[in-house]
Amino acid sequence: MNDREALIDVEVAYATPDRQKVIALCVPIGTTARAAARLSQMNRYFPDLELGQVPLGVWGRVVADDARLVAGDRVELYRTLQANPREQRRRRVETP
């Protein structure tokens, strides 16, 4: 097996209301979601981002830190909600 066969391509994505960033990575097979988040060094672009603490997902589904990635996965770094979306919708409906 050559070196290329032992690697997979994944992406790590993060967004704020103002901007987003997607970083493509080539990582060893067996890399976890948290490891990919750290390897992305996304905190270089978003200094307040804590890569060891932020909730993670893959293609819109929350995953554990130790979830093993497969080729083509997109690791998403989630922000904490500033307001409950249900509460915001309720307020909009109540406002004349």
PDB file of N, CA and C in Angstrom:
ATOM      1  N   MET A   1       0.853  -1.172   0.000  1.00  0.00           N
ATOM      2  CA  MET A   1       0.000   0.000   0.000  1.00  0.00           C
ATOM      3  C   MET A   1       0.899   1.234   0.000  1.00  0.00           C
ATOM      4  N   ASN A   2       0.588   2.215  -0.884  1.00  0.00           N
ATOM      5  CA  ASN A   2       1.390   3.441  -0.895  1.00  0.00           C
ATOM      6  C   ASN A   2       0.810   4.460   0.076  1.00  0.00           C
ATOM      7  N   ASP A   3       1.541   5.548   0.307  1.00  0.00           N
ATOM      8  CA  ASP A   3       1.125   6.563   1.275  1.00  0.00           C
ATOM      9  C   ASP A   3      -0.233   7.166   0.939  1.00  0.00           C
ATOM     10  N   ARG A   4      -0.526   7.368  -0.336  1.00  0.00           N
ATOM     11  CA  ARG A   4      -1.782   8.014  -0.746  1.00  0.00           C
ATOM     12  C   ARG A   4      -2.997   7.164  -0.370  1.00  0.00           C
ATOM     13  N   GLU A   5      -2.845   5.836  -0.417  1.00  0.00           N
ATOM     14  CA  GLU A   5      -3.960   4.956  -0.095  1.00  0.00           C
ATOM     15  C   GLU A   5      -4.324   5.024   1.385  1.00  0.00           C
ATOM     16  N   ALA A   6      -3.398   5.425   2.234  1.00  0.00           N
ATOM     17  CA  ALA A   6      -3.647   5.481   3.667  1.00  0.00           C
ATOM     18  C   ALA A   6      -4.256   6.811   4.095  1.00  0.00           C
ATOM     19  N   LEU A   7      -4.553   7.696   3.126  1.00  0.00           N
ATOM     20  CA  LEU A   7      -5.093   9.022   3.427  1.00  0.00           C
ATOM     21  C   LEU A   7      -6.489   9.186   2.826  1.00  0.00           C
ATOM     22  N   ILE A   8      -7.287  10.042   3.449  1.00  0.00           N
ATOM     23  CA  ILE A   8      -8.607  10.385   2.931  1.00  0.00           C
ATOM     24  C   ILE A   8      -8.752  11.902   2.884  1.00  0.00           C
ATOM     25  N   ASP A   9      -9.582  12.385   1.988  1.00  0.00           N
ATOM     26  CA  ASP A   9      -9.864  13.813   1.877  1.00  0.00           C
ATOM     27  C   ASP A   9     -11.128  14.133   2.649  1.00  0.00           C
ATOM     28  N   VAL A  10     -11.038  15.150   3.522  1.00  0.00           N
ATOM     29  CA  VAL A  10     -12.183  15.633   4.292  1.00  0.00           C
ATOM     30  C   VAL A  10     -12.161  17.156   4.277  1.00  0.00           C
ATOM     31  N   GLU A  11     -13.227  17.749   4.750  1.00  0.00           N
ATOM     32  CA  GLU A  11     -13.297  19.206   4.900  1.00  0.00           C
ATOM     33  C   GLU A  11     -13.697  19.536   6.324  1.00  0.00           C
ATOM     34  N   VAL A  12     -13.280  20.702   6.771  1.00  0.00           N
ATOM     35  CA  VAL A  12     -13.714  21.245   8.056  1.00  0.00           C
ATOM     36  C   VAL A  12     -14.314  22.609   7.766  1.00  0.00           C
ATOM     37  N   ALA A  13     -15.532  22.840   8.273  1.00  0.00           N
ATOM     38  CA  ALA A  13     -16.255  24.078   7.972  1.00  0.00           C
ATOM     39  C   ALA A  13     -16.689  24.782   9.252  1.00  0.00           C
ATOM     40  N   TYR A  14     -16.655  26.110   9.192  1.00  0.00           N
ATOM     41  CA  TYR A  14     -17.134  26.946  10.301  1.00  0.00           C
ATOM     42  C   TYR A  14     -17.710  28.219   9.705  1.00  0.00           C
ATOM     43  N   ALA A  15     -18.761  28.722  10.325  1.00  0.00           N
ATOM     44  CA  ALA A  15     -19.384  29.945   9.824  1.00  0.00           C
ATOM     45  C   ALA A  15     -19.879  30.800  10.982  1.00  0.00           C
ATOM     46  N   THR A  16     -19.799  32.089  10.773  1.00  0.00           N
ATOM     47  CA  THR A  16     -20.409  33.075  11.661  1.00  0.00           C
ATOM     48  C   THR A  16     -21.468  33.784  10.824  1.00  0.00           C
ATOM     49  N   PRO A  17     -22.261  34.663  11.423  1.00  0.00           N
ATOM     50  CA  PRO A  17     -23.241  35.381  10.606  1.00  0.00           C
ATOM     51  C   PRO A  17     -22.604  36.211   9.492  1.00  0.00           C
ATOM     52  N   ASP A  18     -21.345  36.586   9.663  1.00  0.00           N
ATOM     53  CA  ASP A  18     -20.682  37.462   8.705  1.00  0.00           C
ATOM     54  C   ASP A  18     -19.825  36.751   7.663  1.00  0.00           C
ATOM     55  N   ARG A  19     -19.292  35.565   8.005  1.00  0.00           N
ATOM     56  CA  ARG A  19     -18.398  34.902   7.060  1.00  0.00           C
ATOM     57  C   ARG A  19     -18.305  33.414   7.353  1.00  0.00           C
ATOM     58  N   GLN A  20     -17.766  32.698   6.374  1.00  0.00           N
ATOM     59  CA  GLN A  20     -17.557  31.266   6.550  1.00  0.00           C
ATOM     60  C   GLN A  20     -16.212  30.865   5.976  1.00  0.00           C
ATOM     61  N   LYS A  21     -15.735  29.715   6.419  1.00  0.00           N
ATOM     62  CA  LYS A  21     -14.463  29.191   5.935  1.00  0.00           C
ATOM     63  C   LYS A  21     -14.577  27.671   5.857  1.00  0.00           C
ATOM     64  N   VAL A  22     -14.106  27.113   4.763  1.00  0.00           N
ATOM     65  CA  VAL A  22     -14.041  25.662   4.584  1.00  0.00           C
ATOM     66  C   VAL A  22     -12.594  25.318   4.259  1.00  0.00           C
ATOM     67  N   ILE A  23     -12.040  24.389   5.013  1.00  0.00           N
ATOM     68  CA  ILE A  23     -10.648  23.996   4.830  1.00  0.00           C
ATOM     69  C   ILE A  23     -10.606  22.530   4.414  1.00  0.00           C
ATOM     70  N   ALA A  24      -9.962  22.262   3.299  1.00  0.00           N
ATOM     71  CA  ALA A  24      -9.786  20.893   2.818  1.00  0.00           C
ATOM     72  C   ALA A  24      -8.548  20.291   3.469  1.00  0.00           C
ATOM     73  N   LEU A  25      -8.670  19.063   3.927  1.00  0.00           N
ATOM     74  CA  LEU A  25      -7.563  18.357   4.562  1.00  0.00           C
ATOM     75  C   LEU A  25      -7.407  16.978   3.952  1.00  0.00           C
ATOM     76  N   CYS A  26      -6.212  16.488   3.972  1.00  0.00           N
ATOM     77  CA  CYS A  26      -5.908  15.116   3.604  1.00  0.00           C
ATOM     78  C   CYS A  26      -5.367  14.481   4.884  1.00  0.00           C
ATOM     79  N   VAL A  27      -6.135  13.558   5.459  1.00  0.00           N
ATOM     80  CA  VAL A  27      -5.810  13.017   6.785  1.00  0.00           C
ATOM     81  C   VAL A  27      -5.688  11.495   6.724  1.00  0.00           C
ATOM     82  N   PRO A  28      -4.988  10.904   7.686  1.00  0.00           N
ATOM     83  CA  PRO A  28      -4.874   9.446   7.716  1.00  0.00           C
ATOM     84  C   PRO A  28      -6.229   8.783   7.977  1.00  0.00           C
ATOM     85  N   ILE A  29      -6.420   7.614   7.412  1.00  0.00           N
ATOM     86  CA  ILE A  29      -7.615   6.820   7.707  1.00  0.00           C
ATOM     87  C   ILE A  29      -7.676   6.613   9.215  1.00  0.00           C
ATOM     88  N   GLY A  30      -8.856   6.754   9.797  1.00  0.00           N
ATOM     89  CA  GLY A  30      -9.019   6.590  11.241  1.00  0.00           C
ATOM     90  C   GLY A  30      -8.986   7.898  12.006  1.00  0.00           C
ATOM     91  N   THR A  31      -8.762   9.017  11.318  1.00  0.00           N
ATOM     92  CA  THR A  31      -8.751  10.321  11.983  1.00  0.00           C
ATOM     93  C   THR A  31     -10.127  10.600  12.571  1.00  0.00           C
ATOM     94  N   THR A  32     -10.161  11.152  13.770  1.00  0.00           N
ATOM     95  CA  THR A  32     -11.434  11.475  14.423  1.00  0.00           C
ATOM     96  C   THR A  32     -11.890  12.884  14.044  1.00  0.00           C
ATOM     97  N   ALA A  33     -13.154  13.148  14.316  1.00  0.00           N
ATOM     98  CA  ALA A  33     -13.713  14.464  14.028  1.00  0.00           C
ATOM     99  C   ALA A  33     -12.962  15.551  14.802  1.00  0.00           C
ATOM    100  N   ARG A  34     -12.681  15.305  16.074  1.00  0.00           N
ATOM    101  CA  ARG A  34     -11.975  16.318  16.884  1.00  0.00           C
ATOM    102  C   ARG A  34     -10.554  16.526  16.362  1.00  0.00           C
ATOM    103  N   ALA A  35      -9.886  15.468  15.971  1.00  0.00           N
ATOM    104  CA  ALA A  35      -8.522  15.597  15.444  1.00  0.00           C
ATOM    105  C   ALA A  35      -8.536  16.429  14.163  1.00  0.00           C
ATOM    106  N   ALA A  36      -9.509  16.199  13.300  1.00  0.00           N
ATOM    107  CA  ALA A  36      -9.602  16.985  12.060  1.00  0.00           C
ATOM    108  C   ALA A  36      -9.871  18.453  12.382  1.00  0.00           C
ATOM    109  N   ALA A  37     -10.712  18.708  13.372  1.00  0.00           N
ATOM    110  CA  ALA A  37     -10.982  20.090  13.771  1.00  0.00           C
ATOM    111  C   ALA A  37      -9.686  20.774  14.195  1.00  0.00           C
ATOM    112  N   ARG A  38      -8.884  20.082  14.977  1.00  0.00           N
ATOM    113  CA  ARG A  38      -7.611  20.657  15.424  1.00  0.00           C
ATOM    114  C   ARG A  38      -6.636  20.827  14.262  1.00  0.00           C
ATOM    115  N   LEU A  39      -6.574  19.825  13.384  1.00  0.00           N
ATOM    116  CA  LEU A  39      -5.670  19.903  12.238  1.00  0.00           C
ATOM    117  C   LEU A  39      -6.030  21.061  11.303  1.00  0.00           C
ATOM    118  N   SER A  40      -7.288  21.435  11.263  1.00  0.00           N
ATOM    119  CA  SER A  40      -7.724  22.520  10.377  1.00  0.00           C
ATOM    120  C   SER A  40      -7.138  23.869  10.791  1.00  0.00           C
ATOM    121  N   GLN A  41      -6.805  24.009  12.054  1.00  0.00           N
ATOM    122  CA  GLN A  41      -6.324  25.282  12.605  1.00  0.00           C
ATOM    123  C   GLN A  41      -7.295  26.420  12.289  1.00  0.00           C
ATOM    124  N   MET A  42      -8.572  26.104  12.339  1.00  0.00           N
ATOM    125  CA  MET A  42      -9.613  27.089  12.026  1.00  0.00           C
ATOM    126  C   MET A  42      -9.536  28.304  12.949  1.00  0.00           C
ATOM    127  N   ASN A  43      -8.983  28.121  14.136  1.00  0.00           N
ATOM    128  CA  ASN A  43      -8.875  29.256  15.074  1.00  0.00           C
ATOM    129  C   ASN A  43      -7.887  30.319  14.588  1.00  0.00           C
ATOM    130  N   ARG A  44      -7.126  30.023  13.553  1.00  0.00           N
ATOM    131  CA  ARG A  44      -6.278  31.063  12.946  1.00  0.00           C
ATOM    132  C   ARG A  44      -7.146  32.103  12.241  1.00  0.00           C
ATOM    133  N   TYR A  45      -8.296  31.681  11.755  1.00  0.00           N
ATOM    134  CA  TYR A  45      -9.209  32.576  11.041  1.00  0.00           C
ATOM    135  C   TYR A  45     -10.287  33.143  11.965  1.00  0.00           C
ATOM    136  N   PHE A  46     -10.583  32.412  13.032  1.00  0.00           N
ATOM    137  CA  PHE A  46     -11.585  32.820  14.010  1.00  0.00           C
ATOM    138  C   PHE A  46     -10.949  32.686  15.397  1.00  0.00           C
ATOM    139  N   PRO A  47     -10.232  33.713  15.856  1.00  0.00           N
ATOM    140  CA  PRO A  47      -9.442  33.614  17.091  1.00  0.00           C
ATOM    141  C   PRO A  47     -10.228  33.217  18.349  1.00  0.00           C
ATOM    142  N   ASP A  48     -11.519  33.510  18.405  1.00  0.00           N
ATOM    143  CA  ASP A  48     -12.306  33.165  19.591  1.00  0.00           C
ATOM    144  C   ASP A  48     -12.764  31.707  19.601  1.00  0.00           C
ATOM    145  N   LEU A  49     -12.525  30.989  18.528  1.00  0.00           N
ATOM    146  CA  LEU A  49     -12.964  29.604  18.400  1.00  0.00           C
ATOM    147  C   LEU A  49     -12.069  28.685  19.223  1.00  0.00           C
ATOM    148  N   GLU A  50     -12.678  27.882  20.088  1.00  0.00           N
ATOM    149  CA  GLU A  50     -11.935  26.931  20.915  1.00  0.00           C
ATOM    150  C   GLU A  50     -12.082  25.542  20.300  1.00  0.00           C
ATOM    151  N   LEU A  51     -11.089  25.119  19.549  1.00  0.00           N
ATOM    152  CA  LEU A  51     -11.178  23.876  18.796  1.00  0.00           C
ATOM    153  C   LEU A  51     -11.344  22.636  19.673  1.00  0.00           C
ATOM    154  N   GLY A  52     -10.932  22.706  20.908  1.00  0.00           N
ATOM    155  CA  GLY A  52     -11.075  21.554  21.797  1.00  0.00           C
ATOM    156  C   GLY A  52     -12.423  21.470  22.468  1.00  0.00           C
ATOM    157  N   GLN A  53     -13.247  22.503  22.335  1.00  0.00           N
ATOM    158  CA  GLN A  53     -14.520  22.567  23.056  1.00  0.00           C
ATOM    159  C   GLN A  53     -15.759  22.646  22.165  1.00  0.00           C
ATOM    160  N   VAL A  54     -15.613  23.183  20.974  1.00  0.00           N
ATOM    161  CA  VAL A  54     -16.754  23.455  20.105  1.00  0.00           C
ATOM    162  C   VAL A  54     -17.475  22.149  19.734  1.00  0.00           C
ATOM    163  N   PRO A  55     -18.823  22.159  19.731  1.00  0.00           N
ATOM    164  CA  PRO A  55     -19.566  20.973  19.295  1.00  0.00           C
ATOM    165  C   PRO A  55     -19.279  20.671  17.819  1.00  0.00           C
ATOM    166  N   LEU A  56     -19.328  19.383  17.477  1.00  0.00           N
ATOM    167  CA  LEU A  56     -18.985  18.945  16.129  1.00  0.00           C
ATOM    168  C   LEU A  56     -20.144  18.213  15.466  1.00  0.00           C
ATOM    169  N   GLY A  57     -20.162  18.287  14.142  1.00  0.00           N
ATOM    170  CA  GLY A  57     -21.111  17.510  13.358  1.00  0.00           C
ATOM    171  C   GLY A  57     -20.447  17.063  12.077  1.00  0.00           C
ATOM    172  N   VAL A  58     -21.058  16.086  11.432  1.00  0.00           N
ATOM    173  CA  VAL A  58     -20.640  15.651  10.106  1.00  0.00           C
ATOM    174  C   VAL A  58     -21.885  15.662   9.238  1.00  0.00           C
ATOM    175  N   TRP A  59     -21.851  16.496   8.206  1.00  0.00           N
ATOM    176  CA  TRP A  59     -22.991  16.645   7.289  1.00  0.00           C
ATOM    177  C   TRP A  59     -24.300  16.879   8.040  1.00  0.00           C
ATOM    178  N   GLY A  60     -24.278  17.778   9.025  1.00  0.00           N
ATOM    179  CA  GLY A  60     -25.507  18.189   9.701  1.00  0.00           C
ATOM    180  C   GLY A  60     -25.956  17.313  10.856  1.00  0.00           C
ATOM    181  N   ARG A  61     -25.194  16.305  11.195  1.00  0.00           N
ATOM    182  CA  ARG A  61     -25.536  15.439  12.330  1.00  0.00           C
ATOM    183  C   ARG A  61     -24.462  15.557  13.392  1.00  0.00           C
ATOM    184  N   VAL A  62     -24.885  15.834  14.612  1.00  0.00           N
ATOM    185  CA  VAL A  62     -23.945  15.959  15.717  1.00  0.00           C
ATOM    186  C   VAL A  62     -23.219  14.624  15.909  1.00  0.00           C
ATOM    187  N   VAL A  63     -21.908  14.707  16.116  1.00  0.00           N
ATOM    188  CA  VAL A  63     -21.102  13.501  16.341  1.00  0.00           C
ATOM    189  C   VAL A  63     -20.244  13.671  17.585  1.00  0.00           C
ATOM    190  N   ALA A  64     -19.812  12.552  18.122  1.00  0.00           N
ATOM    191  CA  ALA A  64     -18.893  12.549  19.264  1.00  0.00           C
ATOM    192  C   ALA A  64     -17.490  12.907  18.784  1.00  0.00           C
ATOM    193  N   ASP A  65     -16.681  13.372  19.701  1.00  0.00           N
ATOM    194  CA  ASP A  65     -15.298  13.732  19.385  1.00  0.00           C
ATOM    195  C   ASP A  65     -14.543  12.594  18.705  1.00  0.00           C
ATOM    196  N   ASP A  66     -14.820  11.363  19.132  1.00  0.00           N
ATOM    197  CA  ASP A  66     -14.057  10.220  18.629  1.00  0.00           C
ATOM    198  C   ASP A  66     -14.675   9.551  17.395  1.00  0.00           C
ATOM    199  N   ALA A  67     -15.646  10.213  16.762  1.00  0.00           N
ATOM    200  CA  ALA A  67     -16.235   9.663  15.536  1.00  0.00           C
ATOM    201  C   ALA A  67     -15.168   9.593  14.460  1.00  0.00           C
ATOM    202  N   ARG A  68     -14.996   8.434  13.868  1.00  0.00           N
ATOM    203  CA  ARG A  68     -13.996   8.236  12.818  1.00  0.00           C
ATOM    204  C   ARG A  68     -14.544   8.748  11.490  1.00  0.00           C
ATOM    205  N   LEU A  69     -13.715   9.480  10.780  1.00  0.00           N
ATOM    206  CA  LEU A  69     -14.133  10.065   9.508  1.00  0.00           C
ATOM    207  C   LEU A  69     -13.898   9.102   8.357  1.00  0.00           C
ATOM    208  N   VAL A  70     -14.712   9.280   7.312  1.00  0.00           N
ATOM    209  CA  VAL A  70     -14.512   8.539   6.068  1.00  0.00           C
ATOM    210  C   VAL A  70     -14.297   9.559   4.955  1.00  0.00           C
ATOM    211  N   ALA A  71     -13.773   9.095   3.845  1.00  0.00           N
ATOM    212  CA  ALA A  71     -13.475   9.983   2.718  1.00  0.00           C
ATOM    213  C   ALA A  71     -14.715  10.782   2.336  1.00  0.00           C
ATOM    214  N   GLY A  72     -14.517  12.077   2.139  1.00  0.00           N
ATOM    215  CA  GLY A  72     -15.594  12.958   1.726  1.00  0.00           C
ATOM    216  C   GLY A  72     -16.389  13.582   2.854  1.00  0.00           C
ATOM    217  N   ASP A  73     -16.116  13.219   4.101  1.00  0.00           N
ATOM    218  CA  ASP A  73     -16.843  13.810   5.226  1.00  0.00           C
ATOM    219  C   ASP A  73     -16.564  15.301   5.332  1.00  0.00           C
ATOM    220  N   ARG A  74     -17.559  16.017   5.818  1.00  0.00           N
ATOM    221  CA  ARG A  74     -17.431  17.452   6.077  1.00  0.00           C
ATOM    222  C   ARG A  74     -17.692  17.655   7.561  1.00  0.00           C
ATOM    223  N   VAL A  75     -16.650  17.953   8.303  1.00  0.00           N
ATOM    224  CA  VAL A  75     -16.761  18.204   9.738  1.00  0.00           C
ATOM    225  C   VAL A  75     -17.218  19.644   9.919  1.00  0.00           C
ATOM    226  N   GLU A  76     -18.292  19.821  10.669  1.00  0.00           N
ATOM    227  CA  GLU A  76     -18.837  21.154  10.910  1.00  0.00           C
ATOM    228  C   GLU A  76     -18.596  21.536  12.365  1.00  0.00           C
ATOM    229  N   LEU A  77     -18.085  22.727  12.566  1.00  0.00           N
ATOM    230  CA  LEU A  77     -17.855  23.257  13.909  1.00  0.00           C
ATOM    231  C   LEU A  77     -19.041  24.146  14.233  1.00  0.00           C
ATOM    232  N   TYR A  78     -19.761  23.829  15.309  1.00  0.00           N
ATOM    233  CA  TYR A  78     -20.989  24.542  15.624  1.00  0.00           C
ATOM    234  C   TYR A  78     -20.778  25.620  16.671  1.00  0.00           C
ATOM    235  N   ARG A  79     -21.445  26.751  16.453  1.00  0.00           N
ATOM    236  CA  ARG A  79     -21.457  27.833  17.432  1.00  0.00           C
ATOM    237  C   ARG A  79     -22.594  27.573  18.408  1.00  0.00           C
ATOM    238  N   THR A  80     -22.479  28.135  19.614  1.00  0.00           N
ATOM    239  CA  THR A  80     -23.599  28.049  20.541  1.00  0.00           C
ATOM    240  C   THR A  80     -24.665  29.038  20.087  1.00  0.00           C
ATOM    241  N   LEU A  81     -25.915  28.653  20.258  1.00  0.00           N
ATOM    242  CA  LEU A  81     -27.013  29.514  19.832  1.00  0.00           C
ATOM    243  C   LEU A  81     -27.119  30.737  20.740  1.00  0.00           C
ATOM    244  N   GLN A  82     -27.325  31.884  20.128  1.00  0.00           N
ATOM    245  CA  GLN A  82     -27.519  33.115  20.892  1.00  0.00           C
ATOM    246  C   GLN A  82     -28.962  33.227  21.383  1.00  0.00           C
ATOM    247  N   ALA A  83     -29.892  32.626  20.632  1.00  0.00           N
ATOM    248  CA  ALA A  83     -31.305  32.640  20.999  1.00  0.00           C
ATOM    249  C   ALA A  83     -31.937  31.346  20.508  1.00  0.00           C
ATOM    250  N   ASN A  84     -32.948  30.898  21.206  1.00  0.00           N
ATOM    251  CA  ASN A  84     -33.664  29.692  20.836  1.00  0.00           C
ATOM    252  C   ASN A  84     -34.480  29.947  19.573  1.00  0.00           C
ATOM    253  N   PRO A  85     -34.259  29.184  18.489  1.00  0.00           N
ATOM    254  CA  PRO A  85     -34.994  29.418  17.232  1.00  0.00           C
ATOM    255  C   PRO A  85     -36.503  29.317  17.392  1.00  0.00           C
ATOM    256  N   ARG A  86     -36.981  28.416  18.230  1.00  0.00           N
ATOM    257  CA  ARG A  86     -38.439  28.298  18.442  1.00  0.00           C
ATOM    258  C   ARG A  86     -38.994  29.561  19.090  1.00  0.00           C
ATOM    259  N   GLU A  87     -38.245  30.058  20.055  1.00  0.00           N
ATOM    260  CA  GLU A  87     -38.677  31.285  20.728  1.00  0.00           C
ATOM    261  C   GLU A  87     -38.681  32.458  19.750  1.00  0.00           C
ATOM    262  N   GLN A  88     -37.709  32.550  18.889  1.00  0.00           N
ATOM    263  CA  GLN A  88     -37.672  33.624  17.895  1.00  0.00           C
ATOM    264  C   GLN A  88     -38.861  33.543  16.946  1.00  0.00           C
ATOM    265  N   ARG A  89     -39.207  32.345  16.487  1.00  0.00           N
ATOM    266  CA  ARG A  89     -40.364  32.187  15.593  1.00  0.00           C
ATOM    267  C   ARG A  89     -41.647  32.588  16.304  1.00  0.00           C
ATOM    268  N   ARG A  90     -41.780  32.166  17.569  1.00  0.00           N
ATOM    269  CA  ARG A  90     -42.978  32.508  18.343  1.00  0.00           C
ATOM    270  C   ARG A  90     -43.127  34.015  18.471  1.00  0.00           C
ATOM    271  N   ARG A  91     -42.043  34.700  18.733  1.00  0.00           N
ATOM    272  CA  ARG A  91     -42.081  36.169  18.855  1.00  0.00           C
ATOM    273  C   ARG A  91     -42.481  36.842  17.548  1.00  0.00           C
ATOM    274  N   ARG A  92     -41.967  36.311  16.421  1.00  0.00           N
ATOM    275  CA  ARG A  92     -42.327  36.885  15.128  1.00  0.00           C
ATOM    276  C   ARG A  92     -43.814  36.730  14.847  1.00  0.00           C
ATOM    277  N   VAL A  93     -44.381  35.583  15.222  1.00  0.00           N
ATOM    278  CA  VAL A  93     -45.809  35.325  14.989  1.00  0.00           C
ATOM    279  C   VAL A  93     -46.647  36.255  15.868  1.00  0.00           C
ATOM    280  N   GLU A  94     -46.209  36.493  17.085  1.00  0.00           N
ATOM    281  CA  GLU A  94     -46.968  37.329  18.003  1.00  0.00           C
ATOM    282  C   GLU A  94     -46.894  38.813  17.673  1.00  0.00           C
ATOM    283  N   THR A  95     -45.850  39.227  16.986  1.00  0.00           N
ATOM    284  CA  THR A  95     -45.675  40.641  16.647  1.00  0.00           C
ATOM    285  C   THR A  95     -46.604  41.012  15.488  1.00  0.00           C
ATOM    286  N   PRO A  96     -47.454  42.042  15.684  1.00  0.00           N
ATOM    287  CA  PRO A  96     -48.395  42.423  14.623  1.00  0.00           C
ATOM    288  C   PRO A  96     -47.700  43.057  13.433  1.00  0.00           C
TER     289      PRO A  96
END
